[in-house]
C-alpha cells in the first residue's frame, strides 16, 4: 500500500500537488501548493491555477458557505495529483474533481484538497503528521 507522510507546520498541512485542467490552453500538469482542509467538502483551485491554464468554468452556480451565506461560484473540471515529499513525480494519487474556483488568491497555497479527495484514501493525523495511503 503506497503511503506518504506530510508534517503539519504552523497548524497547517501543505502538500505539493500537480494539477491538470482538461480542455484548457495547457495540457501538461503543473506543480502547485495545496492546503489539506478536512472541513472542505470539495476541493478548490485558486486564481493562479485558473490563469495558468487559461481555464473556463463549465458551470457557475450558487453555494452556501459554512456561515450560511449564498455566494456564486465557478466550477472547473480538474485532475489533482498528490506528490509524495522528496519526489518529482505526482505518482501517488491522481483524482479527477469538480473543483470550486476560489475568488481570492492565498499567499501560501493555490489549491485546497477537500474531502472529495481525502475520502478516497486512508488518512490519519498522528503527532502532527498526516499519513495518506491507498
N, C-alpha and C. Protein backbone atom coordinates (compact mmCIF):
# COMPACT_ATOMS: atom_id res chain seq x y z
N UNK A 1 0.85 -1.18 0.00
CA UNK A 1 0.00 0.00 0.00
C UNK A 1 0.89 1.24 0.00
N UNK A 2 0.86 2.07 -1.07
CA UNK A 2 1.67 3.29 -1.10
C UNK A 2 1.25 4.24 0.02
N UNK A 3 2.23 4.85 0.67
CA UNK A 3 1.98 5.73 1.80
C UNK A 3 2.91 6.93 1.74
N UNK A 4 2.38 8.11 2.09
CA UNK A 4 3.23 9.28 2.26
C UNK A 4 2.88 9.94 3.58
N UNK A 5 3.85 10.59 4.18
CA UNK A 5 3.66 11.33 5.42
C UNK A 5 3.97 12.80 5.18
N UNK A 6 3.11 13.67 5.67
CA UNK A 6 3.27 15.10 5.48
C UNK A 6 3.18 15.77 6.83
N UNK A 7 4.26 16.37 7.32
CA UNK A 7 4.22 17.03 8.63
C UNK A 7 3.43 18.34 8.58
N UNK A 8 2.69 18.60 9.64
CA UNK A 8 1.99 19.87 9.78
C UNK A 8 2.99 20.94 10.21
N UNK A 9 2.82 22.13 9.68
CA UNK A 9 3.67 23.26 10.07
C UNK A 9 2.77 24.45 10.38
N UNK A 10 2.97 25.03 11.53
CA UNK A 10 2.16 26.16 11.97
C UNK A 10 0.67 25.85 11.91
N UNK A 11 0.32 24.61 12.25
CA UNK A 11 -1.08 24.22 12.29
C UNK A 11 -1.71 23.96 10.94
N UNK A 12 -0.91 23.95 9.88
CA UNK A 12 -1.44 23.72 8.53
C UNK A 12 -0.72 22.55 7.90
N UNK A 13 -1.45 21.82 7.07
CA UNK A 13 -0.83 20.76 6.29
C UNK A 13 -0.82 21.21 4.84
N UNK A 14 0.39 21.51 4.36
CA UNK A 14 0.57 21.94 2.97
C UNK A 14 1.28 20.83 2.21
N UNK A 15 0.77 20.49 1.03
CA UNK A 15 1.36 19.43 0.21
C UNK A 15 1.64 19.97 -1.18
N UNK A 16 2.55 19.31 -1.87
CA UNK A 16 2.78 19.62 -3.28
C UNK A 16 1.81 18.79 -4.10
N UNK A 17 1.23 19.43 -5.09
CA UNK A 17 0.31 18.73 -5.99
C UNK A 17 0.66 19.10 -7.42
N UNK A 18 0.25 18.25 -8.33
CA UNK A 18 0.29 18.57 -9.75
C UNK A 18 -1.15 18.71 -10.19
N UNK A 19 -1.41 19.72 -11.01
CA UNK A 19 -2.79 19.97 -11.44
C UNK A 19 -2.82 19.94 -12.96
N UNK A 20 -3.89 19.37 -13.48
CA UNK A 20 -4.16 19.37 -14.92
C UNK A 20 -5.61 19.78 -15.09
N UNK A 21 -5.86 20.72 -15.98
CA UNK A 21 -7.22 21.15 -16.26
C UNK A 21 -7.52 20.73 -17.70
N UNK A 22 -8.34 19.69 -17.86
CA UNK A 22 -8.67 19.22 -19.22
C UNK A 22 -9.31 20.32 -20.06
N UNK A 23 -9.09 20.24 -21.34
CA UNK A 23 -9.66 21.19 -22.31
C UNK A 23 -9.29 22.63 -22.01
N UNK A 24 -8.06 22.84 -21.56
CA UNK A 24 -7.57 24.20 -21.29
C UNK A 24 -6.44 24.51 -22.27
N UNK A 25 -5.86 25.71 -22.14
CA UNK A 25 -4.78 26.13 -23.03
C UNK A 25 -3.54 25.27 -22.89
N UNK A 26 -3.26 24.75 -21.69
CA UNK A 26 -2.06 23.94 -21.44
C UNK A 26 -2.48 22.51 -21.10
N UNK A 27 -1.75 21.55 -21.63
CA UNK A 27 -2.13 20.15 -21.43
C UNK A 27 -1.10 19.35 -20.64
N UNK A 28 -0.16 20.03 -19.96
CA UNK A 28 0.80 19.34 -19.10
C UNK A 28 0.51 19.68 -17.65
N UNK A 29 0.67 18.72 -16.74
CA UNK A 29 0.46 19.01 -15.32
C UNK A 29 1.44 20.08 -14.84
N UNK A 30 0.99 20.90 -13.92
CA UNK A 30 1.80 21.98 -13.36
C UNK A 30 1.81 21.84 -11.83
N UNK A 31 2.98 22.02 -11.20
CA UNK A 31 3.03 21.90 -9.73
C UNK A 31 2.50 23.15 -9.03
N UNK A 32 1.79 22.93 -7.94
CA UNK A 32 1.26 23.99 -7.08
C UNK A 32 1.33 23.51 -5.63
N UNK A 33 1.10 24.42 -4.68
CA UNK A 33 1.00 24.08 -3.26
C UNK A 33 -0.48 23.96 -2.92
N UNK A 34 -0.78 23.01 -2.04
CA UNK A 34 -2.18 22.79 -1.65
C UNK A 34 -2.29 22.72 -0.14
N UNK A 35 -3.40 23.20 0.36
CA UNK A 35 -3.77 23.10 1.77
C UNK A 35 -4.71 21.91 1.91
N UNK A 36 -4.41 21.01 2.84
CA UNK A 36 -5.33 19.92 3.14
C UNK A 36 -6.34 20.46 4.14
N UNK A 37 -7.62 20.42 3.76
CA UNK A 37 -8.68 21.02 4.58
C UNK A 37 -9.80 19.99 4.78
N UNK A 38 -9.79 19.34 5.93
CA UNK A 38 -10.80 18.31 6.21
C UNK A 38 -12.19 18.91 6.41
N UNK A 39 -12.28 20.21 6.57
CA UNK A 39 -13.58 20.87 6.70
C UNK A 39 -14.20 21.24 5.36
N UNK A 40 -13.43 21.10 4.29
CA UNK A 40 -13.94 21.42 2.94
C UNK A 40 -14.53 20.15 2.33
N UNK A 41 -15.76 20.22 1.91
CA UNK A 41 -16.40 19.05 1.29
C UNK A 41 -15.85 18.79 -0.11
N UNK A 42 -15.49 19.86 -0.81
CA UNK A 42 -14.97 19.72 -2.17
C UNK A 42 -13.64 20.45 -2.28
N UNK A 43 -12.86 20.05 -3.26
CA UNK A 43 -11.57 20.68 -3.50
C UNK A 43 -11.78 21.98 -4.27
N UNK A 44 -10.74 22.81 -4.29
CA UNK A 44 -10.84 24.11 -4.95
C UNK A 44 -9.51 24.47 -5.61
N UNK A 45 -9.59 25.29 -6.65
CA UNK A 45 -8.39 25.81 -7.30
C UNK A 45 -8.44 27.33 -7.25
N UNK A 46 -7.27 27.94 -7.07
CA UNK A 46 -7.19 29.38 -6.93
C UNK A 46 -7.01 30.10 -8.26
N UNK A 47 -7.05 31.42 -8.21
CA UNK A 47 -6.93 32.23 -9.43
C UNK A 47 -5.64 31.98 -10.21
N UNK A 48 -4.52 31.71 -9.53
CA UNK A 48 -3.27 31.45 -10.26
C UNK A 48 -3.36 30.17 -11.09
N UNK A 49 -4.05 29.16 -10.59
CA UNK A 49 -4.24 27.92 -11.34
C UNK A 49 -5.11 28.18 -12.56
N UNK A 50 -6.22 28.88 -12.34
CA UNK A 50 -7.14 29.19 -13.44
C UNK A 50 -6.41 30.00 -14.51
N UNK A 51 -5.63 31.00 -14.09
CA UNK A 51 -4.89 31.84 -15.05
C UNK A 51 -3.83 31.03 -15.79
N UNK A 52 -3.08 30.18 -15.07
CA UNK A 52 -2.03 29.38 -15.70
C UNK A 52 -2.58 28.52 -16.84
N UNK A 53 -3.73 27.90 -16.59
CA UNK A 53 -4.31 27.01 -17.58
C UNK A 53 -5.22 27.72 -18.58
N UNK A 54 -5.54 28.99 -18.32
CA UNK A 54 -6.47 29.69 -19.20
C UNK A 54 -7.83 29.00 -19.19
N UNK A 55 -8.20 28.50 -18.02
CA UNK A 55 -9.40 27.66 -17.90
C UNK A 55 -10.67 28.48 -17.83
N UNK A 56 -11.71 27.93 -18.41
CA UNK A 56 -13.05 28.49 -18.30
C UNK A 56 -13.89 27.55 -17.45
N UNK A 57 -14.74 28.11 -16.59
CA UNK A 57 -15.60 27.24 -15.78
C UNK A 57 -16.60 26.50 -16.68
N UNK A 58 -16.98 25.31 -16.26
CA UNK A 58 -18.00 24.59 -17.01
C UNK A 58 -19.39 24.90 -16.45
N UNK A 59 -19.41 25.52 -15.26
CA UNK A 59 -20.69 25.83 -14.63
C UNK A 59 -20.49 26.95 -13.62
N UNK A 60 -21.45 27.86 -13.55
CA UNK A 60 -21.50 28.86 -12.49
C UNK A 60 -22.79 28.60 -11.73
N UNK A 61 -22.67 28.49 -10.42
CA UNK A 61 -23.82 28.16 -9.59
C UNK A 61 -23.73 28.92 -8.28
N UNK A 62 -24.63 28.68 -7.38
CA UNK A 62 -24.63 29.30 -6.06
C UNK A 62 -24.37 28.22 -5.02
N UNK A 63 -23.49 28.54 -4.08
CA UNK A 63 -23.18 27.63 -2.98
C UNK A 63 -23.32 28.35 -1.66
N UNK A 64 -23.76 27.63 -0.66
CA UNK A 64 -23.90 28.21 0.67
C UNK A 64 -22.62 27.95 1.45
N UNK A 65 -22.05 29.00 2.01
CA UNK A 65 -20.81 28.88 2.79
C UNK A 65 -21.13 28.31 4.18
N UNK A 66 -20.09 28.01 4.93
CA UNK A 66 -20.27 27.48 6.28
C UNK A 66 -21.04 28.47 7.16
N UNK A 67 -20.92 29.76 6.87
CA UNK A 67 -21.63 30.77 7.66
C UNK A 67 -23.07 30.96 7.19
N UNK A 68 -23.49 30.21 6.14
CA UNK A 68 -24.87 30.28 5.67
C UNK A 68 -25.13 31.28 4.56
N UNK A 69 -24.10 31.98 4.10
CA UNK A 69 -24.26 32.97 3.04
C UNK A 69 -24.20 32.29 1.68
N UNK A 70 -25.15 32.60 0.80
CA UNK A 70 -25.15 32.05 -0.56
C UNK A 70 -24.27 32.94 -1.44
N UNK A 71 -23.30 32.31 -2.11
CA UNK A 71 -22.37 33.04 -2.97
C UNK A 71 -22.26 32.35 -4.31
N UNK A 72 -22.10 33.13 -5.40
CA UNK A 72 -21.89 32.50 -6.70
C UNK A 72 -20.48 31.90 -6.77
N UNK A 73 -20.36 30.72 -7.38
CA UNK A 73 -19.06 30.07 -7.55
C UNK A 73 -18.96 29.51 -8.96
N UNK A 74 -17.72 29.44 -9.44
CA UNK A 74 -17.42 28.82 -10.73
C UNK A 74 -16.89 27.42 -10.45
N UNK A 75 -17.31 26.46 -11.24
CA UNK A 75 -16.81 25.09 -11.12
C UNK A 75 -15.93 24.76 -12.31
N UNK A 76 -14.81 24.08 -12.04
CA UNK A 76 -13.84 23.68 -13.05
C UNK A 76 -13.60 22.19 -12.95
N UNK A 77 -13.46 21.55 -14.09
CA UNK A 77 -13.01 20.15 -14.08
C UNK A 77 -11.50 20.18 -13.97
N UNK A 78 -10.95 19.43 -13.04
CA UNK A 78 -9.50 19.39 -12.84
C UNK A 78 -9.10 17.99 -12.42
N UNK A 79 -7.82 17.69 -12.59
CA UNK A 79 -7.25 16.45 -12.10
C UNK A 79 -6.11 16.86 -11.18
N UNK A 80 -6.16 16.40 -9.95
CA UNK A 80 -5.17 16.79 -8.95
C UNK A 80 -4.37 15.56 -8.55
N UNK A 81 -3.06 15.68 -8.61
CA UNK A 81 -2.17 14.59 -8.20
C UNK A 81 -1.37 14.99 -6.98
N UNK A 82 -1.45 14.22 -5.93
CA UNK A 82 -0.69 14.49 -4.72
C UNK A 82 0.73 13.98 -4.92
N UNK A 83 1.71 14.83 -4.70
CA UNK A 83 3.11 14.49 -4.91
C UNK A 83 3.73 14.09 -3.58
N UNK A 84 4.32 12.91 -3.54
CA UNK A 84 5.00 12.46 -2.33
C UNK A 84 6.20 13.36 -2.08
N UNK A 85 6.47 13.70 -0.81
CA UNK A 85 7.65 14.53 -0.50
C UNK A 85 8.93 13.90 -1.04
N UNK A 86 9.87 14.75 -1.44
CA UNK A 86 11.18 14.33 -1.94
C UNK A 86 11.11 13.57 -3.26
N UNK A 87 10.05 13.78 -4.04
CA UNK A 87 9.97 13.19 -5.38
C UNK A 87 9.62 14.28 -6.37
N UNK A 88 9.84 14.01 -7.64
CA UNK A 88 9.48 14.96 -8.69
C UNK A 88 8.20 14.56 -9.41
N UNK A 89 7.68 13.39 -9.13
CA UNK A 89 6.54 12.88 -9.88
C UNK A 89 5.28 12.84 -9.02
N UNK A 90 4.15 13.10 -9.66
CA UNK A 90 2.86 13.01 -8.97
C UNK A 90 2.32 11.60 -9.16
N UNK A 91 3.06 10.61 -8.67
CA UNK A 91 2.67 9.23 -8.91
C UNK A 91 1.94 8.61 -7.73
N UNK A 92 1.63 9.40 -6.72
CA UNK A 92 0.95 8.84 -5.56
C UNK A 92 -0.54 8.63 -5.84
N UNK A 93 -1.22 9.67 -6.27
CA UNK A 93 -2.66 9.58 -6.43
C UNK A 93 -3.14 10.69 -7.37
N UNK A 94 -3.79 10.31 -8.45
CA UNK A 94 -4.42 11.27 -9.37
C UNK A 94 -5.92 11.17 -9.18
N UNK A 95 -6.59 12.30 -8.96
CA UNK A 95 -8.03 12.29 -8.72
C UNK A 95 -8.70 13.35 -9.59
N UNK A 96 -9.65 12.94 -10.45
CA UNK A 96 -10.45 13.94 -11.16
C UNK A 96 -11.49 14.53 -10.22
N UNK A 97 -11.62 15.85 -10.23
CA UNK A 97 -12.56 16.53 -9.33
C UNK A 97 -13.32 17.62 -10.08
N UNK A 98 -14.44 18.00 -9.52
CA UNK A 98 -15.15 19.21 -9.92
C UNK A 98 -14.79 20.25 -8.87
N UNK A 99 -13.80 21.08 -9.21
CA UNK A 99 -13.23 22.00 -8.22
C UNK A 99 -13.92 23.36 -8.26
N UNK A 100 -14.09 23.92 -7.08
CA UNK A 100 -14.60 25.28 -6.96
C UNK A 100 -13.46 26.24 -7.29
N UNK A 101 -13.75 27.31 -7.99
CA UNK A 101 -12.77 28.36 -8.23
C UNK A 101 -12.76 29.32 -7.06
N UNK A 102 -11.62 29.43 -6.38
CA UNK A 102 -11.50 30.37 -5.25
C UNK A 102 -11.55 31.80 -5.78
N UNK A 103 -12.25 32.66 -5.10
CA UNK A 103 -12.39 34.05 -5.54
C UNK A 103 -11.11 34.86 -5.35
N UNK A 104 -10.33 34.51 -4.31
CA UNK A 104 -9.12 35.27 -3.99
C UNK A 104 -7.92 34.35 -3.88
N UNK A 105 -6.77 34.86 -4.34
CA UNK A 105 -5.52 34.12 -4.20
C UNK A 105 -5.10 34.10 -2.73
N UNK A 106 -4.50 33.01 -2.32
CA UNK A 106 -3.98 32.87 -0.97
C UNK A 106 -2.45 32.90 -1.03
N UNK A 107 -1.78 33.48 -0.05
CA UNK A 107 -0.32 33.58 -0.15
C UNK A 107 0.41 32.24 -0.02
N UNK A 108 -0.15 31.27 0.71
CA UNK A 108 0.58 30.03 0.97
C UNK A 108 0.20 28.87 0.06
N UNK A 109 -0.94 28.95 -0.61
CA UNK A 109 -1.39 27.82 -1.42
C UNK A 109 -2.28 28.29 -2.56
N UNK A 110 -2.40 27.42 -3.59
CA UNK A 110 -3.22 27.69 -4.76
C UNK A 110 -4.33 26.67 -4.95
N UNK A 111 -4.32 25.61 -4.14
CA UNK A 111 -5.28 24.52 -4.26
C UNK A 111 -5.71 24.13 -2.85
N UNK A 112 -6.97 23.75 -2.71
CA UNK A 112 -7.46 23.17 -1.46
C UNK A 112 -7.83 21.72 -1.74
N UNK A 113 -7.28 20.82 -0.93
CA UNK A 113 -7.63 19.40 -1.01
C UNK A 113 -8.76 19.18 -0.01
N UNK A 114 -9.94 18.84 -0.52
CA UNK A 114 -11.10 18.64 0.33
C UNK A 114 -11.43 17.17 0.52
N UNK A 115 -12.57 16.92 1.13
CA UNK A 115 -12.98 15.55 1.45
C UNK A 115 -13.31 14.75 0.20
N UNK A 116 -13.58 15.39 -0.94
CA UNK A 116 -13.82 14.63 -2.16
C UNK A 116 -12.59 13.82 -2.55
N UNK A 117 -11.40 14.30 -2.22
CA UNK A 117 -10.16 13.55 -2.46
C UNK A 117 -9.80 12.70 -1.24
N UNK A 118 -9.88 13.28 -0.06
CA UNK A 118 -9.48 12.56 1.15
C UNK A 118 -10.33 11.32 1.42
N UNK A 119 -11.58 11.32 0.95
CA UNK A 119 -12.45 10.16 1.15
C UNK A 119 -11.99 8.95 0.35
N UNK A 120 -11.12 9.16 -0.62
CA UNK A 120 -10.64 8.07 -1.47
C UNK A 120 -9.40 7.37 -0.92
N UNK A 121 -8.84 7.91 0.16
CA UNK A 121 -7.62 7.35 0.73
C UNK A 121 -7.84 7.10 2.22
N UNK A 122 -6.90 6.40 2.82
CA UNK A 122 -6.90 6.28 4.27
C UNK A 122 -6.04 7.43 4.79
N UNK A 123 -6.61 8.29 5.60
CA UNK A 123 -5.87 9.44 6.13
C UNK A 123 -5.89 9.38 7.65
N UNK A 124 -4.72 9.63 8.24
CA UNK A 124 -4.66 9.71 9.70
C UNK A 124 -3.69 10.82 10.08
N UNK A 125 -3.99 11.50 11.17
CA UNK A 125 -3.15 12.56 11.68
C UNK A 125 -2.67 12.13 13.06
N UNK A 126 -1.37 11.82 13.15
CA UNK A 126 -0.79 11.35 14.39
C UNK A 126 0.46 12.16 14.68
N UNK A 127 0.48 12.77 15.87
CA UNK A 127 1.63 13.56 16.31
C UNK A 127 2.08 14.58 15.27
N UNK A 128 1.11 15.26 14.67
CA UNK A 128 1.43 16.34 13.75
C UNK A 128 1.83 15.92 12.35
N UNK A 129 1.67 14.65 12.01
CA UNK A 129 1.97 14.20 10.65
C UNK A 129 0.74 13.56 10.03
N UNK A 130 0.37 14.05 8.85
CA UNK A 130 -0.72 13.46 8.09
C UNK A 130 -0.15 12.31 7.26
N UNK A 131 -0.72 11.14 7.43
CA UNK A 131 -0.32 9.98 6.65
C UNK A 131 -1.45 9.62 5.69
N UNK A 132 -1.13 9.55 4.41
CA UNK A 132 -2.09 9.17 3.38
C UNK A 132 -1.65 7.85 2.79
N UNK A 133 -2.57 6.92 2.67
CA UNK A 133 -2.26 5.66 1.99
C UNK A 133 -3.49 5.21 1.21
N UNK A 134 -3.22 4.45 0.16
CA UNK A 134 -4.32 3.93 -0.66
C UNK A 134 -3.99 2.56 -1.19
